[in-house]
Amino acid sequence: KVEELPIALQRAFKVAMTEPRGPVFLSLPGDVMMQEVDAKPLPLTTI
């Protein structure tokens, strides 16, 4: 769901950059990317 995007993106960057570091993956369906949503990105958490 498009409402998941802010959480999923913030989590992806946080997890990738926390030791031990590594790749993360997000699958982005076309309908999710083209849906309207009243949301904005979450500030990135640095651990």
ModelCIF file with pLDDT and N, C-alpha, C, O atoms, coordinates in Angstrom:
data_MODEL
#
_entry.id   MODEL 
#
_entity.id                         1 
_entity.type                       polymer 
_entity.pdbx_number_of_molecules   1 
#
_entity_poly.entity_id                      1 
_entity_poly.type                           'polypeptide(L)' 
_entity_poly.nstd_linkage                   no 
_entity_poly.nstd_monomer                   no 
_entity_poly.pdbx_seq_one_letter_code       KVEELPIALQRAFKVAMTEPRGPVFLSLPGDVMMQEVDAKPLPLTTI 
_entity_poly.pdbx_seq_one_letter_code_can   KVEELPIALQRAFKVAMTEPRGPVFLSLPGDVMMQEVDAKPLPLTTI 
_entity_poly.pdbx_strand_id                 A 
#
loop_
_entity_poly_seq.entity_id 
_entity_poly_seq.num 
_entity_poly_seq.mon_id 
_entity_poly_seq.hetero 
1 1  LYS n 
1 2  VAL n 
1 3  GLU n 
1 4  GLU n 
1 5  LEU n 
1 6  PRO n 
1 7  ILE n 
1 8  ALA n 
1 9  LEU n 
1 10 GLN n 
1 11 ARG n 
1 12 ALA n 
1 13 PHE n 
1 14 LYS n 
1 15 VAL n 
1 16 ALA n 
1 17 MET n 
1 18 THR n 
1 19 GLU n 
1 20 PRO n 
1 21 ARG n 
1 22 GLY n 
1 23 PRO n 
1 24 VAL n 
1 25 PHE n 
1 26 LEU n 
1 27 SER n 
1 28 LEU n 
1 29 PRO n 
1 30 GLY n 
1 31 ASP n 
1 32 VAL n 
1 33 MET n 
1 34 MET n 
1 35 GLN n 
1 36 GLU n 
1 37 VAL n 
1 38 ASP n 
1 39 ALA n 
1 40 LYS n 
1 41 PRO n 
1 42 LEU n 
1 43 PRO n 
1 44 LEU n 
1 45 THR n 
1 46 THR n 
1 47 ILE n 
#
_struct_asym.id          A 
_struct_asym.entity_id   1 
#
loop_
_ma_qa_metric.id 
_ma_qa_metric.mode 
_ma_qa_metric.name 
_ma_qa_metric.software_group_id 
_ma_qa_metric.type 
1 global pLDDT . pLDDT 
2 local  pLDDT . pLDDT 
#
_ma_qa_metric_global.metric_id      1 
_ma_qa_metric_global.metric_value   95.57 
_ma_qa_metric_global.model_id       1 
_ma_qa_metric_global.ordinal_id     1 
#
loop_
_ma_qa_metric_local.label_asym_id 
_ma_qa_metric_local.label_comp_id 
_ma_qa_metric_local.label_seq_id 
_ma_qa_metric_local.metric_id 
_ma_qa_metric_local.metric_value 
_ma_qa_metric_local.model_id 
_ma_qa_metric_local.ordinal_id 
A LYS 1  2 94.00 1 1  
A VAL 2  2 96.00 1 2  
A GLU 3  2 96.00 1 3  
A GLU 4  2 96.00 1 4  
A LEU 5  2 97.00 1 5  
A PRO 6  2 97.00 1 6  
A ILE 7  2 98.00 1 7  
A ALA 8  2 98.00 1 8  
A LEU 9  2 98.00 1 9  
A GLN 10 2 98.00 1 10 
A ARG 11 2 98.00 1 11 
A ALA 12 2 98.00 1 12 
A PHE 13 2 98.00 1 13 
A LYS 14 2 97.00 1 14 
A VAL 15 2 97.00 1 15 
A ALA 16 2 98.00 1 16 
A MET 17 2 97.00 1 17 
A THR 18 2 95.00 1 18 
A GLU 19 2 93.00 1 19 
A PRO 20 2 93.00 1 20 
A ARG 21 2 96.00 1 21 
A GLY 22 2 97.00 1 22 
A PRO 23 2 98.00 1 23 
A VAL 24 2 98.00 1 24 
A PHE 25 2 98.00 1 25 
A LEU 26 2 98.00 1 26 
A SER 27 2 97.00 1 27 
A LEU 28 2 97.00 1 28 
A PRO 29 2 95.00 1 29 
A GLY 30 2 93.00 1 30 
A ASP 31 2 93.00 1 31 
A VAL 32 2 95.00 1 32 
A MET 33 2 95.00 1 33 
A MET 34 2 95.00 1 34 
A GLN 35 2 95.00 1 35 
A GLU 36 2 95.00 1 36 
A VAL 37 2 95.00 1 37 
A ASP 38 2 94.00 1 38 
A ALA 39 2 92.00 1 39 
A LYS 40 2 93.00 1 40 
A PRO 41 2 95.00 1 41 
A LEU 42 2 96.00 1 42 
A PRO 43 2 95.00 1 43 
A LEU 44 2 95.00 1 44 
A THR 45 2 92.00 1 45 
A THR 46 2 89.00 1 46 
A ILE 47 2 89.00 1 47 
#
loop_
_atom_site.group_PDB 
_atom_site.id 
_atom_site.type_symbol 
_atom_site.label_atom_id 
_atom_site.label_alt_id 
_atom_site.label_comp_id 
_atom_site.label_asym_id 
_atom_site.label_entity_id 
_atom_site.label_seq_id 
_atom_site.pdbx_PDB_ins_code 
_atom_site.Cartn_x 
_atom_site.Cartn_y 
_atom_site.Cartn_z 
_atom_site.occupancy 
_atom_site.B_iso_or_equiv 
_atom_site.pdbx_formal_charge 
_atom_site.auth_seq_id 
_atom_site.auth_comp_id 
_atom_site.auth_asym_id 
_atom_site.auth_atom_id 
_atom_site.pdbx_PDB_model_num 
ATOM 1   N N  . LYS A 1 1  ? 0.848  -1.186 0.000   1.00 94.00 ? 1  LYS A N  1 
ATOM 2   C CA . LYS A 1 1  ? 0.000  0.000  0.000   1.00 94.00 ? 1  LYS A CA 1 
ATOM 3   C C  . LYS A 1 1  ? 0.884  1.237  0.000   1.00 94.00 ? 1  LYS A C  1 
ATOM 4   O O  . LYS A 1 1  ? 1.973  1.242  0.576   1.00 94.00 ? 1  LYS A O  1 
ATOM 5   N N  . VAL A 1 2  ? 0.407  2.269  -0.644  1.00 96.00 ? 2  VAL A N  1 
ATOM 6   C CA . VAL A 1 2  ? 1.212  3.481  -0.756  1.00 96.00 ? 2  VAL A CA 1 
ATOM 7   C C  . VAL A 1 2  ? 1.513  4.079  0.611   1.00 96.00 ? 2  VAL A C  1 
ATOM 8   O O  . VAL A 1 2  ? 2.540  4.735  0.788   1.00 96.00 ? 2  VAL A O  1 
ATOM 9   N N  . GLU A 1 3  ? 0.624  3.859  1.581   1.00 96.00 ? 3  GLU A N  1 
ATOM 10  C CA . GLU A 1 3  ? 0.842  4.405  2.928   1.00 96.00 ? 3  GLU A CA 1 
ATOM 11  C C  . GLU A 1 3  ? 2.058  3.779  3.619   1.00 96.00 ? 3  GLU A C  1 
ATOM 12  O O  . GLU A 1 3  ? 2.587  4.343  4.577   1.00 96.00 ? 3  GLU A O  1 
ATOM 13  N N  . GLU A 1 4  ? 2.500  2.618  3.135   1.00 96.00 ? 4  GLU A N  1 
ATOM 14  C CA . GLU A 1 4  ? 3.668  1.946  3.730   1.00 96.00 ? 4  GLU A CA 1 
ATOM 15  C C  . GLU A 1 4  ? 4.987  2.604  3.341   1.00 96.00 ? 4  GLU A C  1 
ATOM 16  O O  . GLU A 1 4  ? 5.994  2.435  4.029   1.00 96.00 ? 4  GLU A O  1 
ATOM 17  N N  . LEU A 1 5  ? 4.982  3.352  2.241   1.00 97.00 ? 5  LEU A N  1 
ATOM 18  C CA . LEU A 1 5  ? 6.247  3.825  1.662   1.00 97.00 ? 5  LEU A CA 1 
ATOM 19  C C  . LEU A 1 5  ? 7.130  4.607  2.648   1.00 97.00 ? 5  LEU A C  1 
ATOM 20  O O  . LEU A 1 5  ? 8.322  4.309  2.730   1.00 97.00 ? 5  LEU A O  1 
ATOM 21  N N  . PRO A 1 6  ? 6.611  5.588  3.397   1.00 97.00 ? 6  PRO A N  1 
ATOM 22  C CA . PRO A 1 6  ? 7.503  6.324  4.296   1.00 97.00 ? 6  PRO A CA 1 
ATOM 23  C C  . PRO A 1 6  ? 8.210  5.422  5.308   1.00 97.00 ? 6  PRO A C  1 
ATOM 24  O O  . PRO A 1 6  ? 9.406  5.575  5.553   1.00 97.00 ? 6  PRO A O  1 
ATOM 25  N N  . ILE A 1 7  ? 7.468  4.484  5.892   1.00 98.00 ? 7  ILE A N  1 
ATOM 26  C CA . ILE A 1 7  ? 8.081  3.577  6.871   1.00 98.00 ? 7  ILE A CA 1 
ATOM 27  C C  . ILE A 1 7  ? 9.080  2.653  6.183   1.00 98.00 ? 7  ILE A C  1 
ATOM 28  O O  . ILE A 1 7  ? 10.191 2.459  6.677   1.00 98.00 ? 7  ILE A O  1 
ATOM 29  N N  . ALA A 1 8  ? 8.689  2.081  5.041   1.00 98.00 ? 8  ALA A N  1 
ATOM 30  C CA . ALA A 1 8  ? 9.555  1.130  4.354   1.00 98.00 ? 8  ALA A CA 1 
ATOM 31  C C  . ALA A 1 8  ? 10.860 1.783  3.915   1.00 98.00 ? 8  ALA A C  1 
ATOM 32  O O  . ALA A 1 8  ? 11.923 1.174  4.037   1.00 98.00 ? 8  ALA A O  1 
ATOM 33  N N  . LEU A 1 9  ? 10.797 2.997  3.411   1.00 98.00 ? 9  LEU A N  1 
ATOM 34  C CA . LEU A 1 9  ? 12.006 3.674  2.939   1.00 98.00 ? 9  LEU A CA 1 
ATOM 35  C C  . LEU A 1 9  ? 12.920 4.059  4.088   1.00 98.00 ? 9  LEU A C  1 
ATOM 36  O O  . LEU A 1 9  ? 14.133 3.867  4.005   1.00 98.00 ? 9  LEU A O  1 
ATOM 37  N N  . GLN A 1 10 ? 12.353 4.602  5.160   1.00 98.00 ? 10 GLN A N  1 
ATOM 38  C CA . GLN A 1 10 ? 13.176 4.970  6.304   1.00 98.00 ? 10 GLN A CA 1 
ATOM 39  C C  . GLN A 1 10 ? 13.830 3.735  6.909   1.00 98.00 ? 10 GLN A C  1 
ATOM 40  O O  . GLN A 1 10 ? 15.001 3.764  7.289   1.00 98.00 ? 10 GLN A O  1 
ATOM 41  N N  . ARG A 1 11 ? 13.061 2.646  6.994   1.00 98.00 ? 11 ARG A N  1 
ATOM 42  C CA . ARG A 1 11 ? 13.603 1.414  7.558   1.00 98.00 ? 11 ARG A CA 1 
ATOM 43  C C  . ARG A 1 11 ? 14.718 0.855  6.676   1.00 98.00 ? 11 ARG A C  1 
ATOM 44  O O  . ARG A 1 11 ? 15.738 0.383  7.178   1.00 98.00 ? 11 ARG A O  1 
ATOM 45  N N  . ALA A 1 12 ? 14.517 0.912  5.369   1.00 98.00 ? 12 ALA A N  1 
ATOM 46  C CA . ALA A 1 12 ? 15.519 0.369  4.449   1.00 98.00 ? 12 ALA A CA 1 
ATOM 47  C C  . ALA A 1 12 ? 16.860 1.081  4.622   1.00 98.00 ? 12 ALA A C  1 
ATOM 48  O O  . ALA A 1 12 ? 17.894 0.423  4.738   1.00 98.00 ? 12 ALA A O  1 
ATOM 49  N N  . PHE A 1 13 ? 16.858 2.399  4.640   1.00 98.00 ? 13 PHE A N  1 
ATOM 50  C CA . PHE A 1 13 ? 18.103 3.144  4.799   1.00 98.00 ? 13 PHE A CA 1 
ATOM 51  C C  . PHE A 1 13 ? 18.711 2.901  6.177   1.00 98.00 ? 13 PHE A C  1 
ATOM 52  O O  . PHE A 1 13 ? 19.926 2.751  6.301   1.00 98.00 ? 13 PHE A O  1 
ATOM 53  N N  . LYS A 1 14 ? 17.875 2.860  7.211   1.00 97.00 ? 14 LYS A N  1 
ATOM 54  C CA . LYS A 1 14 ? 18.374 2.631  8.563   1.00 97.00 ? 14 LYS A CA 1 
ATOM 55  C C  . LYS A 1 14 ? 19.045 1.262  8.680   1.00 97.00 ? 14 LYS A C  1 
ATOM 56  O O  . LYS A 1 14 ? 20.144 1.152  9.224   1.00 97.00 ? 14 LYS A O  1 
ATOM 57  N N  . VAL A 1 15 ? 18.385 0.224  8.171   1.00 97.00 ? 15 VAL A N  1 
ATOM 58  C CA . VAL A 1 15 ? 18.916 -1.137 8.280   1.00 97.00 ? 15 VAL A CA 1 
ATOM 59  C C  . VAL A 1 15 ? 20.206 -1.285 7.472   1.00 97.00 ? 15 VAL A C  1 
ATOM 60  O O  . VAL A 1 15 ? 21.173 -1.878 7.948   1.00 97.00 ? 15 VAL A O  1 
ATOM 61  N N  . ALA A 1 16 ? 20.220 -0.749 6.257   1.00 98.00 ? 16 ALA A N  1 
ATOM 62  C CA . ALA A 1 16 ? 21.409 -0.867 5.411   1.00 98.00 ? 16 ALA A CA 1 
ATOM 63  C C  . ALA A 1 16 ? 22.628 -0.222 6.056   1.00 98.00 ? 16 ALA A C  1 
ATOM 64  O O  . ALA A 1 16 ? 23.742 -0.723 5.909   1.00 98.00 ? 16 ALA A O  1 
ATOM 65  N N  . MET A 1 17 ? 22.429 0.886  6.772   1.00 97.00 ? 17 MET A N  1 
ATOM 66  C CA . MET A 1 17 ? 23.544 1.661  7.307   1.00 97.00 ? 17 MET A CA 1 
ATOM 67  C C  . MET A 1 17 ? 23.930 1.279  8.732   1.00 97.00 ? 17 MET A C  1 
ATOM 68  O O  . MET A 1 17 ? 24.871 1.851  9.282   1.00 97.00 ? 17 MET A O  1 
ATOM 69  N N  . THR A 1 18 ? 23.233 0.334  9.339   1.00 95.00 ? 18 THR A N  1 
ATOM 70  C CA . THR A 1 18 ? 23.558 -0.093 10.693  1.00 95.00 ? 18 THR A CA 1 
ATOM 71  C C  . THR A 1 18 ? 24.455 -1.326 10.635  1.00 95.00 ? 18 THR A C  1 
ATOM 72  O O  . THR A 1 18 ? 24.147 -2.291 9.934   1.00 95.00 ? 18 THR A O  1 
ATOM 73  N N  . GLU A 1 19 ? 25.574 -1.294 11.379  1.00 93.00 ? 19 GLU A N  1 
ATOM 74  C CA . GLU A 1 19 ? 26.494 -2.427 11.382  1.00 93.00 ? 19 GLU A CA 1 
ATOM 75  C C  . GLU A 1 19 ? 25.864 -3.643 12.049  1.00 93.00 ? 19 GLU A C  1 
ATOM 76  O O  . GLU A 1 19 ? 25.129 -3.522 13.030  1.00 93.00 ? 19 GLU A O  1 
ATOM 77  N N  . PRO A 1 20 ? 26.168 -4.831 11.492  1.00 93.00 ? 20 PRO A N  1 
ATOM 78  C CA . PRO A 1 20 ? 26.910 -5.056 10.253  1.00 93.00 ? 20 PRO A CA 1 
ATOM 79  C C  . PRO A 1 20 ? 26.087 -4.650 9.034   1.00 93.00 ? 20 PRO A C  1 
ATOM 80  O O  . PRO A 1 20 ? 24.963 -5.113 8.841   1.00 93.00 ? 20 PRO A O  1 
ATOM 81  N N  . ARG A 1 21 ? 26.668 -3.776 8.218   1.00 96.00 ? 21 ARG A N  1 
ATOM 82  C CA . ARG A 1 21 ? 25.939 -3.211 7.093   1.00 96.00 ? 21 ARG A CA 1 
ATOM 83  C C  . ARG A 1 21 ? 25.663 -4.247 6.010   1.00 96.00 ? 21 ARG A C  1 
ATOM 84  O O  . ARG A 1 21 ? 26.244 -5.332 6.004   1.00 96.00 ? 21 ARG A O  1 
ATOM 85  N N  . GLY A 1 22 ? 24.768 -3.891 5.099   1.00 97.00 ? 22 GLY A N  1 
ATOM 86  C CA . GLY A 1 22 ? 24.480 -4.796 3.997   1.00 97.00 ? 22 GLY A CA 1 
ATOM 87  C C  . GLY A 1 22 ? 23.333 -4.301 3.144   1.00 97.00 ? 22 GLY A C  1 
ATOM 88  O O  . GLY A 1 22 ? 22.724 -3.275 3.450   1.00 97.00 ? 22 GLY A O  1 
ATOM 89  N N  . PRO A 1 23 ? 23.027 -5.032 2.059   1.00 98.00 ? 23 PRO A N  1 
ATOM 90  C CA . PRO A 1 23 ? 21.953 -4.635 1.154   1.00 98.00 ? 23 PRO A CA 1 
ATOM 91  C C  . PRO A 1 23 ? 20.566 -4.870 1.756   1.00 98.00 ? 23 PRO A C  1 
ATOM 92  O O  . PRO A 1 23 ? 20.371 -5.778 2.565   1.00 98.00 ? 23 PRO A O  1 
ATOM 93  N N  . VAL A 1 24 ? 19.617 -4.043 1.348   1.00 98.00 ? 24 VAL A N  1 
ATOM 94  C CA . VAL A 1 24 ? 18.198 -4.264 1.625   1.00 98.00 ? 24 VAL A CA 1 
ATOM 95  C C  . VAL A 1 24 ? 17.458 -4.162 0.294   1.00 98.00 ? 24 VAL A C  1 
ATOM 96  O O  . VAL A 1 24 ? 17.992 -3.636 -0.683  1.00 98.00 ? 24 VAL A O  1 
ATOM 97  N N  . PHE A 1 25 ? 16.216 -4.675 0.263   1.00 98.00 ? 25 PHE A N  1 
ATOM 98  C CA . PHE A 1 25 ? 15.480 -4.697 -0.998  1.00 98.00 ? 25 PHE A CA 1 
ATOM 99  C C  . PHE A 1 25 ? 14.032 -4.281 -0.780  1.00 98.00 ? 25 PHE A C  1 
ATOM 100 O O  . PHE A 1 25 ? 13.391 -4.685 0.190   1.00 98.00 ? 25 PHE A O  1 
ATOM 101 N N  . LEU A 1 26 ? 13.533 -3.464 -1.703  1.00 98.00 ? 26 LEU A N  1 
ATOM 102 C CA . LEU A 1 26 ? 12.123 -3.082 -1.726  1.00 98.00 ? 26 LEU A CA 1 
ATOM 103 C C  . LEU A 1 26 ? 11.545 -3.354 -3.113  1.00 98.00 ? 26 LEU A C  1 
ATOM 104 O O  . LEU A 1 26 ? 12.086 -2.903 -4.123  1.00 98.00 ? 26 LEU A O  1 
ATOM 105 N N  . SER A 1 27 ? 10.443 -4.093 -3.146  1.00 97.00 ? 27 SER A N  1 
ATOM 106 C CA . SER A 1 27 ? 9.682  -4.295 -4.385  1.00 97.00 ? 27 SER A CA 1 
ATOM 107 C C  . SER A 1 27 ? 8.603  -3.223 -4.457  1.00 97.00 ? 27 SER A C  1 
ATOM 108 O O  . SER A 1 27 ? 7.851  -3.024 -3.504  1.00 97.00 ? 27 SER A O  1 
ATOM 109 N N  . LEU A 1 28 ? 8.531  -2.528 -5.600  1.00 97.00 ? 28 LEU A N  1 
ATOM 110 C CA . LEU A 1 28 ? 7.656  -1.370 -5.736  1.00 97.00 ? 28 LEU A CA 1 
ATOM 111 C C  . LEU A 1 28 ? 6.645  -1.599 -6.863  1.00 97.00 ? 28 LEU A C  1 
ATOM 112 O O  . LEU A 1 28 ? 6.957  -1.323 -8.021  1.00 97.00 ? 28 LEU A O  1 
ATOM 113 N N  . PRO A 1 29 ? 5.447  -2.095 -6.556  1.00 95.00 ? 29 PRO A N  1 
ATOM 114 C CA . PRO A 1 29 ? 4.436  -2.319 -7.589  1.00 95.00 ? 29 PRO A CA 1 
ATOM 115 C C  . PRO A 1 29 ? 4.003  -1.008 -8.256  1.00 95.00 ? 29 PRO A C  1 
ATOM 116 O O  . PRO A 1 29 ? 3.982  0.051  -7.627  1.00 95.00 ? 29 PRO A O  1 
ATOM 117 N N  . GLY A 1 30 ? 3.665  -1.107 -9.528  1.00 93.00 ? 30 GLY A N  1 
ATOM 118 C CA . GLY A 1 30 ? 3.308  0.077  -10.293 1.00 93.00 ? 30 GLY A CA 1 
ATOM 119 C C  . GLY A 1 30 ? 2.103  0.815  -9.742  1.00 93.00 ? 30 GLY A C  1 
ATOM 120 O O  . GLY A 1 30 ? 2.078  2.046  -9.756  1.00 93.00 ? 30 GLY A O  1 
ATOM 121 N N  . ASP A 1 31 ? 1.100  0.089  -9.257  1.00 93.00 ? 31 ASP A N  1 
ATOM 122 C CA . ASP A 1 31 ? -0.087 0.773  -8.742  1.00 93.00 ? 31 ASP A CA 1 
ATOM 123 C C  . ASP A 1 31 ? 0.231  1.544  -7.468  1.00 93.00 ? 31 ASP A C  1 
ATOM 124 O O  . ASP A 1 31 ? -0.337 2.610  -7.229  1.00 93.00 ? 31 ASP A O  1 
ATOM 125 N N  . VAL A 1 32 ? 1.134  1.014  -6.652  1.00 95.00 ? 32 VAL A N  1 
ATOM 126 C CA . VAL A 1 32 ? 1.548  1.721  -5.427  1.00 95.00 ? 32 VAL A CA 1 
ATOM 127 C C  . VAL A 1 32 ? 2.258  3.022  -5.796  1.00 95.00 ? 32 VAL A C  1 
ATOM 128 O O  . VAL A 1 32 ? 2.031  4.057  -5.171  1.00 95.00 ? 32 VAL A O  1 
ATOM 129 N N  . MET A 1 33 ? 3.111  2.965  -6.805  1.00 95.00 ? 33 MET A N  1 
ATOM 130 C CA . MET A 1 33 ? 3.894  4.141  -7.171  1.00 95.00 ? 33 MET A CA 1 
ATOM 131 C C  . MET A 1 33 ? 3.038  5.244  -7.792  1.00 95.00 ? 33 MET A C  1 
ATOM 132 O O  . MET A 1 33 ? 3.425  6.413  -7.770  1.00 95.00 ? 33 MET A O  1 
ATOM 133 N N  . MET A 1 34 ? 1.891  4.886  -8.338  1.00 95.00 ? 34 MET A N  1 
ATOM 134 C CA . MET A 1 34 ? 1.043  5.881  -8.984  1.00 95.00 ? 34 MET A CA 1 
ATOM 135 C C  . MET A 1 34 ? -0.185 6.259  -8.158  1.00 95.00 ? 34 MET A C  1 
ATOM 136 O O  . MET A 1 34 ? -1.023 7.031  -8.625  1.00 95.00 ? 34 MET A O  1 
ATOM 137 N N  . GLN A 1 35 ? -0.307 5.731  -6.946  1.00 95.00 ? 35 GLN A N  1 
ATOM 138 C CA . GLN A 1 35 ? -1.414 6.114  -6.076  1.00 95.00 ? 35 GLN A CA 1 
ATOM 139 C C  . GLN A 1 35 ? -1.119 7.438  -5.389  1.00 95.00 ? 35 GLN A C  1 
ATOM 140 O O  . GLN A 1 35 ? 0.032  7.757  -5.090  1.00 95.00 ? 35 GLN A O  1 
ATOM 141 N N  . GLU A 1 36 ? -2.177 8.202  -5.144  1.00 95.00 ? 36 GLU A N  1 
ATOM 142 C CA . GLU A 1 36 ? -2.030 9.436  -4.386  1.00 95.00 ? 36 GLU A CA 1 
ATOM 143 C C  . GLU A 1 36 ? -2.053 9.125  -2.894  1.00 95.00 ? 36 GLU A C  1 
ATOM 144 O O  . GLU A 1 36 ? -2.730 8.199  -2.449  1.00 95.00 ? 36 GLU A O  1 
ATOM 145 N N  . VAL A 1 37 ? -1.302 9.917  -2.131  1.00 95.00 ? 37 VAL A N  1 
ATOM 146 C CA . VAL A 1 37 ? -1.228 9.710  -0.690  1.00 95.00 ? 37 VAL A CA 1 
ATOM 147 C C  . VAL A 1 37 ? -0.918 11.040 -0.015  1.00 95.00 ? 37 VAL A C  1 
ATOM 148 O O  . VAL A 1 37 ? -0.156 11.852 -0.540  1.00 95.00 ? 37 VAL A O  1 
ATOM 149 N N  . ASP A 1 38 ? -1.507 11.249 1.135   1.00 94.00 ? 38 ASP A N  1 
ATOM 150 C CA . ASP A 1 38 ? -1.220 12.442 1.927   1.00 94.00 ? 38 ASP A CA 1 
ATOM 151 C C  . ASP A 1 38 ? -0.125 12.075 2.925   1.00 94.00 ? 38 ASP A C  1 
ATOM 152 O O  . ASP A 1 38 ? -0.398 11.846 4.103   1.00 94.00 ? 38 ASP A O  1 
ATOM 153 N N  . ALA A 1 39 ? 1.116  12.022 2.442   1.00 92.00 ? 39 ALA A N  1 
ATOM 154 C CA . ALA A 1 39 ? 2.235  11.580 3.275   1.00 92.00 ? 39 ALA A CA 1 
ATOM 155 C C  . ALA A 1 39 ? 3.520  12.198 2.750   1.00 92.00 ? 39 ALA A C  1 
ATOM 156 O O  . ALA A 1 39 ? 3.578  12.681 1.619   1.00 92.00 ? 39 ALA A O  1 
ATOM 157 N N  . LYS A 1 40 ? 4.523  12.176 3.566   1.00 93.00 ? 40 LYS A N  1 
ATOM 158 C CA . LYS A 1 40 ? 5.845  12.632 3.164   1.00 93.00 ? 40 LYS A CA 1 
ATOM 159 C C  . LYS A 1 40 ? 6.885  11.726 3.816   1.00 93.00 ? 40 LYS A C  1 
ATOM 160 O O  . LYS A 1 40 ? 6.559  10.994 4.750   1.00 93.00 ? 40 LYS A O  1 
ATOM 161 N N  . PRO A 1 41 ? 8.136  11.763 3.339   1.00 95.00 ? 41 PRO A N  1 
ATOM 162 C CA . PRO A 1 41 ? 9.148  10.878 3.899   1.00 95.00 ? 41 PRO A CA 1 
ATOM 163 C C  . PRO A 1 41 ? 9.380  11.134 5.391   1.00 95.00 ? 41 PRO A C  1 
ATOM 164 O O  . PRO A 1 41 ? 9.261  12.261 5.870   1.00 95.00 ? 41 PRO A O  1 
ATOM 165 N N  . LEU A 1 42 ? 9.711  10.064 6.108   1.00 96.00 ? 42 LEU A N  1 
ATOM 166 C CA . LEU A 1 42 ? 10.093 10.203 7.508   1.00 96.00 ? 42 LEU A CA 1 
ATOM 167 C C  . LEU A 1 42 ? 11.548 10.665 7.593   1.00 96.00 ? 42 LEU A C  1 
ATOM 168 O O  . LEU A 1 42 ? 12.357 10.293 6.743   1.00 96.00 ? 42 LEU A O  1 
ATOM 169 N N  . PRO A 1 43 ? 11.890 11.459 8.592   1.00 95.00 ? 43 PRO A N  1 
ATOM 170 C CA . PRO A 1 43 ? 13.306 11.775 8.803   1.00 95.00 ? 43 PRO A CA 1 
ATOM 171 C C  . PRO A 1 43 ? 14.093 10.490 9.036   1.00 95.00 ? 43 PRO A C  1 
ATOM 172 O O  . PRO A 1 43 ? 13.595 9.555  9.663   1.00 95.00 ? 43 PRO A O  1 
ATOM 173 N N  . LEU A 1 44 ? 15.312 10.448 8.535   1.00 95.00 ? 44 LEU A N  1 
ATOM 174 C CA . LEU A 1 44 ? 16.131 9.240  8.649   1.00 95.00 ? 44 LEU A CA 1 
ATOM 175 C C  . LEU A 1 44 ? 16.706 9.116  10.057  1.00 95.00 ? 44 LEU A C  1 
ATOM 176 O O  . LEU A 1 44 ? 17.250 10.073 10.608  1.00 95.00 ? 44 LEU A O  1 
ATOM 177 N N  . THR A 1 45 ? 16.577 7.923  10.624  1.00 92.00 ? 45 THR A N  1 
ATOM 178 C CA . THR A 1 45 ? 17.151 7.629  11.933  1.00 92.00 ? 45 THR A CA 1 
ATOM 179 C C  . THR A 1 45 ? 18.570 7.088  11.766  1.00 92.00 ? 45 THR A C  1 
ATOM 180 O O  . THR A 1 45 ? 18.787 6.141  11.010  1.00 92.00 ? 45 THR A O  1 
ATOM 181 N N  . THR A 1 46 ? 19.516 7.673  12.455  1.00 89.00 ? 46 THR A N  1 
ATOM 182 C CA . THR A 1 46 ? 20.901 7.197  12.442  1.00 89.00 ? 46 THR A CA 1 
ATOM 183 C C  . THR A 1 46 ? 21.209 6.551  13.786  1.00 89.00 ? 46 THR A C  1 
ATOM 184 O O  . THR A 1 46 ? 21.009 7.161  14.836  1.00 89.00 ? 46 THR A O  1 
ATOM 185 N N  . ILE A 1 47 ? 21.688 5.334  13.749  1.00 89.00 ? 47 ILE A N  1 
ATOM 186 C CA . ILE A 1 47 ? 22.023 4.610  14.977  1.00 89.00 ? 47 ILE A CA 1 
ATOM 187 C C  . ILE A 1 47 ? 23.528 4.665  15.175  1.00 89.00 ? 47 ILE A C  1 
ATOM 188 O O  . ILE A 1 47 ? 24.042 4.120  16.152  1.00 89.00 ? 47 ILE A O  1 
#
